Structures are given as C-alpha cells and as structure tokens.
C-alpha atoms as a PDB file:
ATOM      1  CA  MET A   1       0.008   0.015   0.006  1.00  0.00           C
ATOM      2  CA  LYS A   2       0.940   3.663  -0.141  1.00  0.00           C
ATOM      3  CA  ALA A   3       1.082   5.972   2.866  1.00  0.00           C
ATOM      4  CA  ALA A   4       2.407   9.275   4.138  1.00  0.00           C
ATOM      5  CA  LEU A   5       5.325   7.858   6.116  1.00  0.00           C
ATOM      6  CA  VAL A   6       7.198   9.834   8.717  1.00  0.00           C
ATOM      7  CA  ARG A   7      10.723   8.369   8.969  1.00  0.00           C
ATOM      8  CA  GLU A   8      11.971  11.449  10.788  1.00  0.00           C
ATOM      9  CA  TYR A   9      10.239  14.527  12.155  1.00  0.00           C
ATOM     10  CA  THR A  10      10.344  17.039   9.334  1.00  0.00           C
ATOM     11  CA  ALA A  11       8.765  20.120   7.762  1.00  0.00           C
ATOM     12  CA  LEU A  12       5.802  19.557   5.460  1.00  0.00           C
ATOM     13  CA  ASP A  13       7.931  20.279   2.355  1.00  0.00           C
ATOM     14  CA  ASN A  14      10.182  17.347   3.233  1.00  0.00           C
ATOM     15  CA  ALA A  15       7.440  14.838   4.039  1.00  0.00           C
ATOM     16  CA  GLU A  16       7.429  11.514   2.241  1.00  0.00           C
ATOM     17  CA  TYR A  17       4.610   9.727   0.339  1.00  0.00           C
ATOM     18  CA  THR A  18       5.782   6.234  -0.449  1.00  0.00           C
ATOM     19  CA  ARG A  19       4.966   2.600  -0.866  1.00  0.00           C
ATOM     20  CA  THR A  20       5.184   0.568   2.337  1.00  0.00           C
ATOM     21  CA  ASP A  21       4.212  -2.823   3.665  1.00  0.00           C
ATOM     22  CA  ASP A  22       0.533  -3.639   4.176  1.00  0.00           C
ATOM     23  CA  PRO A  23      -0.533  -3.578   7.846  1.00  0.00           C
ATOM     24  CA  GLU A  24       0.008  -6.873   9.650  1.00  0.00           C
ATOM     25  CA  VAL A  25      -2.954  -9.108  10.478  1.00  0.00           C
ATOM     26  CA  SER A  26      -3.764  -8.965  14.150  1.00  0.00           C
ATOM     27  CA  ALA A  27      -6.334 -10.906  16.191  1.00  0.00           C
ATOM     28  CA  GLY A  28      -9.472  -8.988  17.007  1.00  0.00           C
ATOM     29  CA  LYS A  29      -8.856  -6.333  14.375  1.00  0.00           C
ATOM     30  CA  VAL A  30     -10.526  -5.630  11.006  1.00  0.00           C
ATOM     31  CA  LEU A  31      -8.768  -4.506   7.852  1.00  0.00           C
ATOM     32  CA  VAL A  32     -10.289  -1.276   6.522  1.00  0.00           C
ATOM     33  CA  ASP A  33      -9.751   0.268   3.112  1.00  0.00           C
ATOM     34  CA  ILE A  34      -9.524   3.949   3.864  1.00  0.00           C
ATOM     35  CA  GLU A  35     -11.589   6.255   1.666  1.00  0.00           C
ATOM     36  CA  ALA A  36     -11.559   9.695   3.316  1.00  0.00           C
ATOM     37  CA  ILE A  37      -9.461  11.393   5.967  1.00  0.00           C
ATOM     38  CA  GLU A  38     -10.079  14.649   7.771  1.00  0.00           C
ATOM     39  CA  VAL A  39      -7.386  17.326   7.403  1.00  0.00           C
ATOM     40  CA  HIS A  40      -6.688  19.132  10.661  1.00  0.00           C
ATOM     41  CA  PHE A  41      -3.920  21.015  12.453  1.00  0.00           C
ATOM     42  CA  PRO A  42      -2.802  18.285  14.874  1.00  0.00           C
ATOM     43  CA  ASN A  43      -1.329  16.311  11.947  1.00  0.00           C
ATOM     44  CA  VAL A  44       0.991  19.229  11.182  1.00  0.00           C
ATOM     45  CA  LEU A  45       2.309  18.821  14.718  1.00  0.00           C
ATOM     46  CA  TYR A  46       2.607  15.043  14.309  1.00  0.00           C
ATOM     47  CA  LEU A  47       4.742  15.470  11.187  1.00  0.00           C
ATOM     48  CA  GLU A  48       6.995  18.181  12.688  1.00  0.00           C
ATOM     49  CA  GLY A  49       7.451  16.358  16.015  1.00  0.00           C
ATOM     50  CA  GLU A  50       5.676  18.992  18.101  1.00  0.00           C
ATOM     51  CA  TYR A  51       2.664  17.000  19.209  1.00  0.00           C
ATOM     52  CA  LYS A  52       2.566  15.952  22.867  1.00  0.00           C
ATOM     53  CA  ARG A  53       2.872  12.266  21.780  1.00  0.00           C
ATOM     54  CA  ARG A  54       5.679  11.078  19.503  1.00  0.00           C
ATOM     55  CA  PRO A  55       4.854   7.720  17.918  1.00  0.00           C
ATOM     56  CA  GLU A  56       7.722   5.348  17.302  1.00  0.00           C
ATOM     57  CA  LEU A  57       9.321   5.998  13.894  1.00  0.00           C
ATOM     58  CA  PRO A  58       8.454   5.274  11.194  1.00  0.00           C
ATOM     59  CA  PHE A  59       4.675   5.941  11.347  1.00  0.00           C
ATOM     60  CA  ALA A  60       1.818   7.365   9.298  1.00  0.00           C
ATOM     61  CA  PRO A  61       0.001  10.305  10.941  1.00  0.00           C
ATOM     62  CA  GLY A  62      -3.762  10.561  11.205  1.00  0.00           C
ATOM     63  CA  PRO A  63      -5.958   9.707  14.174  1.00  0.00           C
ATOM     64  CA  ASP A  64      -9.236   9.290  12.204  1.00  0.00           C
ATOM     65  CA  ALA A  65     -10.576   8.119   8.841  1.00  0.00           C
ATOM     66  CA  ILE A  66     -13.611   6.638   7.096  1.00  0.00           C
ATOM     67  CA  GLY A  67     -13.415   3.402   5.120  1.00  0.00           C
ATOM     68  CA  ARG A  68     -14.925   0.102   4.111  1.00  0.00           C
ATOM     69  CA  GLU A  69     -14.252  -3.150   6.032  1.00  0.00           C
ATOM     70  CA  VAL A  70     -12.795  -5.815   3.822  1.00  0.00           C
ATOM     71  CA  THR A  71     -12.058  -8.559   6.346  1.00  0.00           C
ATOM     72  CA  VAL A  72     -13.826  -9.521   9.553  1.00  0.00           C
ATOM     73  CA  GLU A  73     -11.579 -11.294  12.026  1.00  0.00           C
ATOM     74  CA  VAL A  74     -12.760 -13.907  14.524  1.00  0.00           C
ATOM     75  CA  GLY A  75     -14.257 -12.168  17.587  1.00  0.00           C
ATOM     76  CA  ALA A  76     -15.553  -9.017  15.821  1.00  0.00           C
ATOM     77  CA  GLN A  77     -19.078  -8.197  16.819  1.00  0.00           C
ATOM     78  CA  ASP A  78     -21.959  -5.914  15.865  1.00  0.00           C
ATOM     79  CA  ILE A  79     -20.416  -4.626  12.631  1.00  0.00           C
ATOM     80  CA  SER A  80     -21.311  -6.614   9.585  1.00  0.00           C
ATOM     81  CA  PHE A  81     -19.007  -7.453   6.648  1.00  0.00           C
ATOM     82  CA  ARG A  82     -18.098  -4.536   4.445  1.00  0.00           C
ATOM     83  CA  ASP A  83     -19.756  -1.854   6.540  1.00  0.00           C
ATOM     84  CA  THR A  84     -18.557   1.680   6.224  1.00  0.00           C
ATOM     85  CA  VAL A  85     -16.894   2.639   9.545  1.00  0.00           C
ATOM     86  CA  LEU A  86     -15.184   5.502  11.233  1.00  0.00           C
ATOM     87  CA  VAL A  87     -11.820   4.379  12.629  1.00  0.00           C
ATOM     88  CA  LEU A  88     -10.117   6.180  15.476  1.00  0.00           C
ATOM     89  CA  PRO A  89      -6.563   4.853  16.043  1.00  0.00           C
ATOM     90  CA  GLU A  90      -4.030   7.057  17.719  1.00  0.00           C
ATOM     91  CA  HIS A  91      -2.269   7.434  14.316  1.00  0.00           C
ATOM     92  CA  GLY A  92      -1.913   5.599  11.002  1.00  0.00           C
ATOM     93  CA  THR A  93      -4.821   6.807   8.852  1.00  0.00           C
ATOM     94  CA  TYR A  94      -2.725   8.736   6.286  1.00  0.00           C
ATOM     95  CA  ALA A  95      -2.599   5.441   4.367  1.00  0.00           C
ATOM     96  CA  GLU A  96      -4.624   3.313   2.030  1.00  0.00           C
ATOM     97  CA  LYS A  97      -5.290   0.575   4.621  1.00  0.00           C
ATOM     98  CA  ILE A  98      -5.343   0.093   8.380  1.00  0.00           C
ATOM     99  CA  PHE A  99      -6.146  -2.696  10.795  1.00  0.00           C
ATOM    100  CA  ALA A 100      -8.529  -1.252  13.410  1.00  0.00           C
ATOM    101  CA  PRO A 101      -9.573  -2.855  16.697  1.00  0.00           C
ATOM    102  CA  GLU A 102     -13.302  -3.253  17.272  1.00  0.00           C
ATOM    103  CA  CYS A 103     -13.461  -0.667  20.050  1.00  0.00           C
ATOM    104  CA  HIS A 104     -11.977   2.001  17.737  1.00  0.00           C
ATOM    105  CA  ARG A 105     -14.480   1.424  14.915  1.00  0.00           C
ATOM    106  CA  LEU A 106     -17.768   3.331  14.990  1.00  0.00           C
ATOM    107  CA  PRO A 107     -20.722   2.688  12.646  1.00  0.00           C
ATOM    108  CA  VAL A 108     -21.550   5.294   9.996  1.00  0.00           C
ATOM    109  CA  PRO A 109     -25.092   5.993   8.662  1.00  0.00           C
ATOM    110  CA  ALA A 110     -25.524   4.426   5.230  1.00  0.00           C
ATOM    111  CA  ASP A 111     -26.905   7.612   3.718  1.00  0.00           C
ATOM    112  CA  ILE A 112     -23.867   9.808   4.384  1.00  0.00           C
ATOM    113  CA  PRO A 113     -21.003   9.653   1.790  1.00  0.00           C
ATOM    114  CA  SER A 114     -17.529   8.939   3.114  1.00  0.00           C
ATOM    115  CA  ILE A 115     -16.198  12.369   2.133  1.00  0.00           C
ATOM    116  CA  GLU A 116     -18.940  14.102   4.044  1.00  0.00           C
ATOM    117  CA  VAL A 117     -18.381  11.876   7.135  1.00  0.00           C
ATOM    118  CA  ALA A 118     -14.741  12.963   7.103  1.00  0.00           C
ATOM    119  CA  ALA A 119     -15.814  16.547   7.637  1.00  0.00           C
ATOM    120  CA  PHE A 120     -17.718  15.498  10.780  1.00  0.00           C
ATOM    121  CA  VAL A 121     -15.047  14.056  13.006  1.00  0.00           C
ATOM    122  CA  LEU A 122     -12.296  15.779  15.009  1.00  0.00           C
ATOM    123  CA  ALA A 123     -13.375  19.395  14.564  1.00  0.00           C
ATOM    124  CA  TYR A 124     -17.024  18.676  15.319  1.00  0.00           C
ATOM    125  CA  GLN A 125     -16.282  16.244  18.113  1.00  0.00           C
ATOM    126  CA  THR A 126     -13.964  18.782  19.724  1.00  0.00           C
ATOM    127  CA  ALA A 127     -16.696  21.421  19.464  1.00  0.00           C
ATOM    128  CA  PHE A 128     -19.206  19.163  21.277  1.00  0.00           C
ATOM    129  CA  PHE A 129     -16.642  18.223  23.979  1.00  0.00           C
ATOM    130  CA  ASP A 130     -15.912  21.951  24.365  1.00  0.00           C
ATOM    131  CA  LEU A 131     -19.459  23.011  24.902  1.00  0.00           C
ATOM    132  CA  ILE A 132     -21.466  20.031  26.207  1.00  0.00           C
ATOM    133  CA  TYR A 133     -18.969  17.987  28.244  1.00  0.00           C
ATOM    134  CA  GLN A 134     -16.370  20.525  29.349  1.00  0.00           C
ATOM    135  CA  SER A 135     -18.168  23.893  29.721  1.00  0.00           C
ATOM    136  CA  GLY A 136     -21.597  22.427  30.665  1.00  0.00           C
ATOM    137  CA  LEU A 137     -23.316  24.909  28.282  1.00  0.00           C
ATOM    138  CA  ARG A 138     -26.744  25.806  29.544  1.00  0.00           C
ATOM    139  CA  GLU A 139     -29.886  27.177  27.950  1.00  0.00           C
ATOM    140  CA  GLY A 140     -29.454  30.894  27.286  1.00  0.00           C
ATOM    141  CA  ASP A 141     -25.632  30.904  27.522  1.00  0.00           C
ATOM    142  CA  SER A 142     -23.701  32.817  24.864  1.00  0.00           C
ATOM    143  CA  VAL A 143     -20.564  31.423  23.179  1.00  0.00           C
ATOM    144  CA  PHE A 144     -17.603  33.351  21.732  1.00  0.00           C
ATOM    145  CA  GLY A 145     -15.528  31.180  19.371  1.00  0.00           C
ATOM    146  CA  LEU A 146     -12.084  32.203  18.228  1.00  0.00           C
ATOM    147  CA  ALA A 147     -10.942  30.870  14.832  1.00  0.00           C
ATOM    148  CA  ALA A 148     -14.492  30.084  13.757  1.00  0.00           C
ATOM    149  CA  THR A 149     -13.811  29.583  10.040  1.00  0.00           C
ATOM    150  CA  GLY A 150     -13.298  25.788  10.172  1.00  0.00           C
ATOM    151  CA  GLY A 151     -15.584  22.906  11.085  1.00  0.00           C
ATOM    152  CA  GLY A 152     -15.320  23.882  14.747  1.00  0.00           C
ATOM    153  CA  GLY A 153     -17.297  27.069  14.116  1.00  0.00           C
ATOM    154  CA  ASP A 154     -20.207  25.083  12.630  1.00  0.00           C
ATOM    155  CA  GLY A 155     -19.923  22.481  15.338  1.00  0.00           C
ATOM    156  CA  HIS A 156     -20.165  25.131  18.052  1.00  0.00           C
ATOM    157  CA  ARG A 157     -23.239  26.623  16.337  1.00  0.00           C
ATOM    158  CA  ALA A 158     -24.930  23.241  16.175  1.00  0.00           C
ATOM    159  CA  ALA A 159     -24.106  22.301  19.771  1.00  0.00           C
ATOM    160  CA  SER A 160     -25.389  25.724  20.835  1.00  0.00           C
ATOM    161  CA  GLU A 161     -28.665  25.172  19.009  1.00  0.00           C
ATOM    162  CA  ALA A 162     -29.026  21.723  20.456  1.00  0.00           C
ATOM    163  CA  VAL A 163     -29.092  22.985  24.059  1.00  0.00           C
ATOM    164  CA  GLY A 164     -31.017  26.172  23.285  1.00  0.00           C
ATOM    165  CA  SER A 165     -28.209  28.522  24.228  1.00  0.00           C
ATOM    166  CA  GLY A 166     -28.072  32.229  23.446  1.00  0.00           C
ATOM    167  CA  GLY A 167     -26.072  31.735  20.265  1.00  0.00           C
ATOM    168  CA  VAL A 168     -22.499  31.895  19.010  1.00  0.00           C
ATOM    169  CA  ILE A 169     -20.336  34.920  18.246  1.00  0.00           C
ATOM    170  CA  PRO A 170     -17.615  33.828  15.796  1.00  0.00           C
ATOM    171  CA  ALA A 171     -14.226  35.531  15.556  1.00  0.00           C
ATOM    172  CA  THR A 172     -12.893  35.840  12.002  1.00  0.00           C
ATOM    173  CA  ARG A 173     -10.207  37.727  10.112  1.00  0.00           C
ATOM    174  CA  GLY A 174     -10.910  40.041   7.202  1.00  0.00           C
ATOM    175  CA  ASP A 175     -13.619  40.084   4.497  1.00  0.00           C
ATOM    176  CA  LYS A 176     -13.330  36.381   3.587  1.00  0.00           C
ATOM    177  CA  GLY A 177     -13.631  35.341   7.179  1.00  0.00           C
ATOM    178  CA  GLU A 178     -16.648  37.579   7.648  1.00  0.00           C
ATOM    179  CA  ALA A 179     -18.374  36.164   4.597  1.00  0.00           C
ATOM    180  CA  PHE A 180     -17.865  32.621   5.877  1.00  0.00           C
ATOM    181  CA  ALA A 181     -19.013  33.524   9.420  1.00  0.00           C
ATOM    182  CA  ARG A 182     -22.281  34.845   8.021  1.00  0.00           C
ATOM    183  CA  GLU A 183     -23.060  31.339   6.838  1.00  0.00           C
ATOM    184  CA  LEU A 184     -22.877  30.207  10.488  1.00  0.00           C
ATOM    185  CA  ASP A 185     -25.806  32.518  11.452  1.00  0.00           C
ATOM    186  CA  GLY A 186     -23.906  33.876  14.483  1.00  0.00           C
ATOM    187  CA  ILE A 187     -25.568  36.514  16.655  1.00  0.00           C
ATOM    188  CA  ALA A 188     -22.659  38.867  15.830  1.00  0.00           C
ATOM    189  CA  MET A 189     -19.149  38.752  14.418  1.00  0.00           C
ATOM    190  CA  VAL A 190     -15.787  39.925  15.676  1.00  0.00           C
ATOM    191  CA  ASP A 191     -12.946  40.785  13.285  1.00  0.00           C
ATOM    192  CA  ALA A 192      -9.740  39.533  14.973  1.00  0.00           C
ATOM    193  CA  SER A 193      -7.637  41.519  12.553  1.00  0.00           C
ATOM    194  CA  ILE A 194      -8.592  44.860  14.113  1.00  0.00           C
ATOM    195  CA  GLU A 195      -5.747  47.052  15.275  1.00  0.00           C
ATOM    196  CA  ASN A 196      -6.682  47.368  18.961  1.00  0.00           C
ATOM    197  CA  LEU A 197      -7.565  43.705  19.505  1.00  0.00           C
ATOM    198  CA  ARG A 198      -8.120  43.719  23.195  1.00  0.00           C
ATOM    199  CA  ASN A 199     -10.493  46.697  23.416  1.00  0.00           C
ATOM    200  CA  GLY A 200     -12.150  45.981  20.054  1.00  0.00           C
ATOM    201  CA  MET A 201     -12.860  42.305  20.884  1.00  0.00           C
ATOM    202  CA  CYS A 202     -14.193  43.186  24.270  1.00  0.00           C
ATOM    203  CA  ASP A 203     -16.467  45.951  22.983  1.00  0.00           C
ATOM    204  CA  ALA A 204     -17.851  43.820  20.111  1.00  0.00           C
ATOM    205  CA  VAL A 205     -18.659  40.791  22.342  1.00  0.00           C
ATOM    206  CA  HIS A 206     -20.202  42.966  25.055  1.00  0.00           C
ATOM    207  CA  ALA A 207     -22.301  44.818  22.471  1.00  0.00           C
ATOM    208  CA  ALA A 208     -23.656  41.463  21.247  1.00  0.00           C
ATOM    209  CA  THR A 209     -24.468  40.230  24.741  1.00  0.00           C
ATOM    210  CA  ARG A 210     -26.210  43.315  26.229  1.00  0.00           C
ATOM    211  CA  GLY A 211     -23.091  44.336  28.015  1.00  0.00           C
ATOM    212  CA  GLU A 212     -22.643  40.982  29.873  1.00  0.00           C
ATOM    213  CA  GLY A 213     -19.894  39.341  27.883  1.00  0.00           C
ATOM    214  CA  ALA A 214     -19.738  35.743  26.686  1.00  0.00           C
ATOM    215  CA  ASP A 215     -20.614  32.921  29.109  1.00  0.00           C
ATOM    216  CA  VAL A 216     -18.202  30.519  27.316  1.00  0.00           C
ATOM    217  CA  VAL A 217     -15.064  31.470  25.298  1.00  0.00           C
ATOM    218  CA  ILE A 218     -13.594  28.780  23.039  1.00  0.00           C
ATOM    219  CA  ASN A 219      -9.894  29.320  22.373  1.00  0.00           C
ATOM    220  CA  PRO A 220      -8.046  27.093  19.885  1.00  0.00           C
ATOM    221  CA  VAL A 221      -5.436  29.681  18.806  1.00  0.00           C
ATOM    222  CA  GLY A 222      -3.375  30.966  21.708  1.00  0.00           C
ATOM    223  CA  ARG A 223      -1.197  34.080  21.292  1.00  0.00           C
ATOM    224  CA  ALA A 224      -2.563  37.656  21.745  1.00  0.00           C
ATOM    225  CA  ALA A 225      -6.127  36.623  21.065  1.00  0.00           C
ATOM    226  CA  SER A 226      -6.106  34.576  24.329  1.00  0.00           C
ATOM    227  CA  VAL A 227      -5.420  37.603  26.494  1.00  0.00           C
ATOM    228  CA  ALA A 228      -7.886  39.738  24.560  1.00  0.00           C
ATOM    229  CA  ALA A 229     -10.599  37.101  24.944  1.00  0.00           C
ATOM    230  CA  LEU A 230     -10.340  37.222  28.731  1.00  0.00           C
ATOM    231  CA  SER A 231     -11.910  40.630  28.735  1.00  0.00           C
ATOM    232  CA  ALA A 232     -14.715  39.536  26.430  1.00  0.00           C
ATOM    233  CA  ARG A 233     -16.173  37.030  28.847  1.00  0.00           C
ATOM    234  CA  ALA A 234     -18.970  37.497  31.316  1.00  0.00           C
ATOM    235  CA  TRP A 235     -18.464  37.431  35.083  1.00  0.00           C
ATOM    236  CA  ARG A 236     -17.410  33.849  35.790  1.00  0.00           C
ATOM    237  CA  GLY A 237     -17.581  33.205  32.089  1.00  0.00           C
ATOM    238  CA  GLN A 238     -15.547  30.069  31.309  1.00  0.00           C
ATOM    239  CA  ILE A 239     -12.507  29.883  29.024  1.00  0.00           C
ATOM    240  CA  VAL A 240     -12.122  26.513  27.275  1.00  0.00           C
ATOM    241  CA  VAL A 241      -8.573  25.960  25.867  1.00  0.00           C
ATOM    242  CA  VAL A 242      -8.597  23.702  22.785  1.00  0.00           C
ATOM    243  CA  GLY A 243      -5.165  24.282  21.236  1.00  0.00           C
ATOM    244  CA  PHE A 244      -2.493  26.750  20.123  1.00  0.00           C
ATOM    245  CA  ALA A 245      -2.801  26.971  16.317  1.00  0.00           C
ATOM    246  CA  LEU A 246      -0.650  30.115  16.288  1.00  0.00           C
ATOM    247  CA  ARG A 247       2.227  28.181  17.977  1.00  0.00           C
ATOM    248  CA  ARG A 248       2.511  30.541  20.916  1.00  0.00           C
ATOM    249  CA  ILE A 249       1.282  29.481  24.351  1.00  0.00           C
ATOM    250  CA  PRO A 250      -0.054  32.487  26.322  1.00  0.00           C
ATOM    251  CA  GLN A 251       1.071  33.081  29.908  1.00  0.00           C
ATOM    252  CA  ILE A 252      -1.746  34.138  32.209  1.00  0.00           C
ATOM    253  CA  SER A 253      -1.063  35.065  35.844  1.00  0.00           C
ATOM    254  CA  ALA A 254      -3.007  33.017  38.374  1.00  0.00           C
ATOM    255  CA  ASN A 255      -3.804  36.126  40.452  1.00  0.00           C
ATOM    256  CA  TYR A 256      -5.596  37.596  37.384  1.00  0.00           C
ATOM    257  CA  LEU A 257      -7.771  34.495  37.134  1.00  0.00           C
ATOM    258  CA  GLN A 258      -8.639  34.760  40.794  1.00  0.00           C
ATOM    259  CA  VAL A 259      -9.363  38.484  40.825  1.00  0.00           C
ATOM    260  CA  LYS A 260     -11.528  38.190  37.728  1.00  0.00           C
ATOM    261  CA  SER A 261     -13.227  34.966  38.845  1.00  0.00           C
ATOM    262  CA  ILE A 262     -12.257  33.123  35.648  1.00  0.00           C
ATOM    263  CA  PRO A 263     -12.805  29.358  35.502  1.00  0.00           C
ATOM    264  CA  ILE A 264     -10.635  27.670  32.848  1.00  0.00           C
ATOM    265  CA  GLY A 265     -11.131  24.237  31.284  1.00  0.00           C
ATOM    266  CA  ALA A 266      -9.434  22.433  28.425  1.00  0.00           C
ATOM    267  CA  VAL A 267     -10.113  19.715  25.882  1.00  0.00           C
ATOM    268  CA  GLN A 268      -7.595  17.228  24.404  1.00  0.00           C
ATOM    269  CA  TRP A 269      -9.469  15.135  21.849  1.00  0.00           C
ATOM    270  CA  THR A 270      -6.874  12.348  21.489  1.00  0.00           C
ATOM    271  CA  ASP A 271      -7.023  11.748  25.227  1.00  0.00           C
ATOM    272  CA  CYS A 272     -10.814  11.424  25.004  1.00  0.00           C
ATOM    273  CA  CYS A 273     -10.305   8.659  22.415  1.00  0.00           C
ATOM    274  CA  THR A 274      -8.038   6.698  24.712  1.00  0.00           C
ATOM    275  CA  ARG A 275      -9.720   7.424  28.092  1.00  0.00           C
ATOM    276  CA  VAL A 276     -13.497   7.920  27.385  1.00  0.00           C
ATOM    277  CA  LEU A 277     -14.055   6.250  24.074  1.00  0.00           C
ATOM    278  CA  GLU A 278     -17.720   5.638  25.008  1.00  0.00           C
ATOM    279  CA  ARG A 279     -18.143   9.384  25.221  1.00  0.00           C
ATOM    280  CA  VAL A 280     -16.566   9.822  21.778  1.00  0.00           C
ATOM    281  CA  ALA A 281     -19.033   7.295  20.354  1.00  0.00           C
ATOM    282  CA  GLU A 282     -21.891   9.050  22.085  1.00  0.00           C
ATOM    283  CA  ALA A 283     -20.805  12.419  20.716  1.00  0.00           C
ATOM    284  CA  GLN A 284     -20.423  11.085  17.161  1.00  0.00           C
ATOM    285  CA  LYS A 285     -23.889   9.541  17.269  1.00  0.00           C
ATOM    286  CA  PHE A 286     -25.277  12.853  18.455  1.00  0.00           C
ATOM    287  CA  ILE A 287     -23.476  14.660  15.638  1.00  0.00           C
ATOM    288  CA  PHE A 288     -24.916  12.275  13.030  1.00  0.00           C
ATOM    289  CA  GLY A 289     -28.314  12.758  14.593  1.00  0.00           C
ATOM    290  CA  LEU A 290     -28.141  16.531  14.203  1.00  0.00           C
ATOM    291  CA  ARG A 291     -27.085  16.081  10.614  1.00  0.00           C
ATOM    292  CA  SER A 292     -30.162  13.905   9.889  1.00  0.00           C
ATOM    293  CA  LYS A 293     -32.376  16.630  11.403  1.00  0.00           C
ATOM    294  CA  GLY A 294     -30.822  19.275   9.163  1.00  0.00           C
ATOM    295  CA  LEU A 295     -29.168  21.135  12.061  1.00  0.00           C
ATOM    296  CA  LEU A 296     -25.654  20.331  11.026  1.00  0.00           C
ATOM    297  CA  HIS A 297     -24.043  20.804   7.617  1.00  0.00           C
ATOM    298  CA  PRO A 298     -20.441  19.969   6.675  1.00  0.00           C
ATOM    299  CA  VAL A 299     -18.430  22.971   5.644  1.00  0.00           C
ATOM    300  CA  LEU A 300     -16.484  21.044   3.037  1.00  0.00           C
ATOM    301  CA  ASN A 301     -14.456  23.162   0.634  1.00  0.00           C
ATOM    302  CA  GLN A 302     -11.951  20.921  -1.145  1.00  0.00           C
ATOM    303  CA  THR A 303     -10.661  17.371  -1.465  1.00  0.00           C
ATOM    304  CA  PHE A 304      -7.104  16.285  -2.140  1.00  0.00           C
ATOM    305  CA  PRO A 305      -5.823  12.855  -3.149  1.00  0.00           C
ATOM    306  CA  LEU A 306      -3.866  11.262  -0.327  1.00  0.00           C
ATOM    307  CA  GLU A 307      -0.545  11.887  -2.116  1.00  0.00           C
ATOM    308  CA  LYS A 308      -1.223  15.667  -1.896  1.00  0.00           C
ATOM    309  CA  TYR A 309      -1.659  15.613   1.800  1.00  0.00           C
ATOM    310  CA  ALA A 310       1.202  18.064   2.379  1.00  0.00           C
ATOM    311  CA  ASP A 311      -0.560  20.661   0.172  1.00  0.00           C
ATOM    312  CA  ALA A 312      -3.717  20.290   2.223  1.00  0.00           C
ATOM    313  CA  LEU A 313      -1.918  20.463   5.570  1.00  0.00           C
ATOM    314  CA  ARG A 314      -0.072  23.575   4.387  1.00  0.00           C
ATOM    315  CA  GLN A 315      -3.374  25.406   3.919  1.00  0.00           C
ATOM    316  CA  VAL A 316      -4.294  24.530   7.538  1.00  0.00           C
ATOM    317  CA  LYS A 317      -0.902  25.514   8.796  1.00  0.00           C
ATOM    318  CA  ILE A 318      -0.891  28.993   7.306  1.00  0.00           C
ATOM    319  CA  GLY A 319      -4.600  29.551   7.959  1.00  0.00           C
ATOM    320  CA  THR A 320      -5.952  29.893   4.426  1.00  0.00           C
ATOM    321  CA  ALA A 321      -8.415  26.996   4.726  1.00  0.00           C
ATOM    322  CA  ARG A 322     -11.849  28.587   5.243  1.00  0.00           C
ATOM    323  CA  ARG A 323     -13.773  25.342   5.288  1.00  0.00           C
ATOM    324  CA  LYS A 324     -12.987  21.641   5.868  1.00  0.00           C
ATOM    325  CA  LEU A 325     -10.411  19.903   3.708  1.00  0.00           C
ATOM    326  CA  VAL A 326     -10.515  16.146   3.155  1.00  0.00           C
ATOM    327  CA  LEU A 327      -8.009  13.606   1.755  1.00  0.00           C
ATOM    328  CA  THR A 328      -9.351  10.840  -0.489  1.00  0.00           C
ATOM    329  CA  CYS A 329      -8.202   7.417  -1.645  1.00  0.00           C
ATOM    330  CA  ASN A 330      -9.622   4.024  -2.666  1.00  0.00           C
ATOM    331  CA  ASN A 331     -12.431   5.578  -4.732  1.00  0.00           C
ATOM    332  CA  ALA A 332     -14.001   7.596  -1.936  1.00  0.00           C
ATOM    333  CA  ALA A 333     -17.763   8.153  -2.141  1.00  0.00           C
ATOM    334  CA  GLY A 334     -19.063  11.721  -2.145  1.00  0.00           C
ATOM    335  CA  ASP A 335     -18.776  15.108  -3.753  1.00  0.00           C
ATOM    336  CA  SER A 336     -16.290  17.904  -3.038  1.00  0.00           C
ATOM    337  CA  ASN A 337     -18.355  21.065  -2.599  1.00  0.00           C
END
C-alpha cells in the first residue's frame, strides 16, 4: 500500500509519500480500506514532532478516517461485513489501509457519503466536547468562538442550538472570514484583525451580549487573542482551551484569574479517544443525529488525493483553509463542494 510515512520529524515540504508494507494481520482487528481522511492541524504537529505524543518511527500520521471493512476477524461483533466505519486509532490513517480494533471502529449511517463523514469528525467532536462536556453549556448561555472559520465554528453553532443557548459569536479575520461567518448564522461577528484587538474584541462581544460578555469562550489559537478574549467574557464566564494553532502558548497570571473569577477548562481530543471512548461514540452519534435533522451541515471546501496531503496540511498551517479539507483514496464516495 501507499502511505504518508514519517521516517523522521520534518517540515511539510520534506514529508514523504511512499509505498510501504501492508498492515500486519492482528487478532481482534478488522482490515479497513480507507476512503476519506479529515485534514486538521494536529497532523501538522505530528509530522513536525511538536505533538505531545511522539509515535515510534516510522509511522503514518492521522488519528481518524472513514473506510470500508474488507475482512472480519474472529471475535468481531456488531459490525457486519463490508460496513462503512469511522476508525479512530492514535495514528496511522494517512494510508490506504489500516487494521482497526473493534473498540476503535464506529458505525456510520448508510446515507452519508464517506467524504462528508470525514468533515464530521475531529473538529465537530472537539466542538461538542468543548461545549457540552467541558463547559456544561446551559440554555441561554452565549458562546464566543475564536478561529471560527473551520468545522469547529459550525460544530459550536450546532451544539449551541441543540441545548437552546443564546447563540454563537464567531471571531474571524478580514472580509473572507466575515463572509464565511455569516453562513454560520452567528448573533454577531468579531474581526480579529482589528488594530486594537483587546479593546475591540471586548467591545464587540459585550455589544452582542447586552453588556454582559460571553458565558463561554472557546480558544483554539493561543497568542494575543487569548489575552484579549479574557476581557470579552462575562463574570465567571468560562474559558475553554482547545489548542495553540498560532504556535505561541499564552502566559496568564493566576492572580488575574482569581481577581476576575475566571474558570478555565481544556479539551484534548486524542485523550478522549483513549480514556473515554464511549463518550466519543456518544458524541459522534449525536453529531450524526443533528445532521439527519438538518441542524448540522459539513463545511467542506476541497478534497485532495492522499498523495497531496502536504498541500492540504499547508493550507491549514498557514490559515488559508476557510472550510474543511478532506483527503481521499480508494475511490472515496461523495462530492467535493
């Protein structure tokens, strides 16, 4: 088979797409022909050796993919031969095939094409863990989401609607970001490219929330926006840290958190897959249910063949991807919108 193989941690431009051995048969696992793979920022970190976990070299990155079962091993239960499944290994999905254990294979509704399913995984699951499991979002609460131009923005909107909250305020950058945010039907928008970020962000969010500030602030970016977002929250408004896409971890003094009564939470999706997989399955089922009700729509922009994975990841790394990007192989089913 072919795979994106990491023999040494390297920049995207030096990454290797090559032929490698097929995965080895293992008891209790099922061979899956991968069809579609979500493109997201953590895989940039995997390639460059900056993720918190470093798999043993060589390895293929990718903690999620959608594919068709081709072999059912003795002991597999509940998933019939040649079902389409969502696989959630720790890594290895940037490849044409993978052996996946039963516990890390989730069923996929038959009416959703593989490419569309790939837009519904990490970004949307993270959004639901942010709001429903971590922040305990309640009816009437307002949400301020930084970096809202990917699947996470749509996921936060859908999760917010599902619990009847007060709506989402997406932060974007420039005209293109604003145009995209309008599709999310946010209660207001904040341009994160404004010159006086701290005051401007605070004023915009307070204006959209009748002077109260946001009850939940979702922060996947780090850097200056993190500090600015602190002033945009309501009294005891919660900050949920999701990641540091801008590669700079903010330093916040503990005394400031205490004086301003700021509760802080965090979400690490890969830990959820290893520690509370039943919650992951529950969240994914909920996500598919919202899609069937018309409350959730994939924000798919472009597909790339697997061998072009570095081109796709580069868009994510430099922040030019306005919607979800998906890698395809093995005759993936679905349309690129």
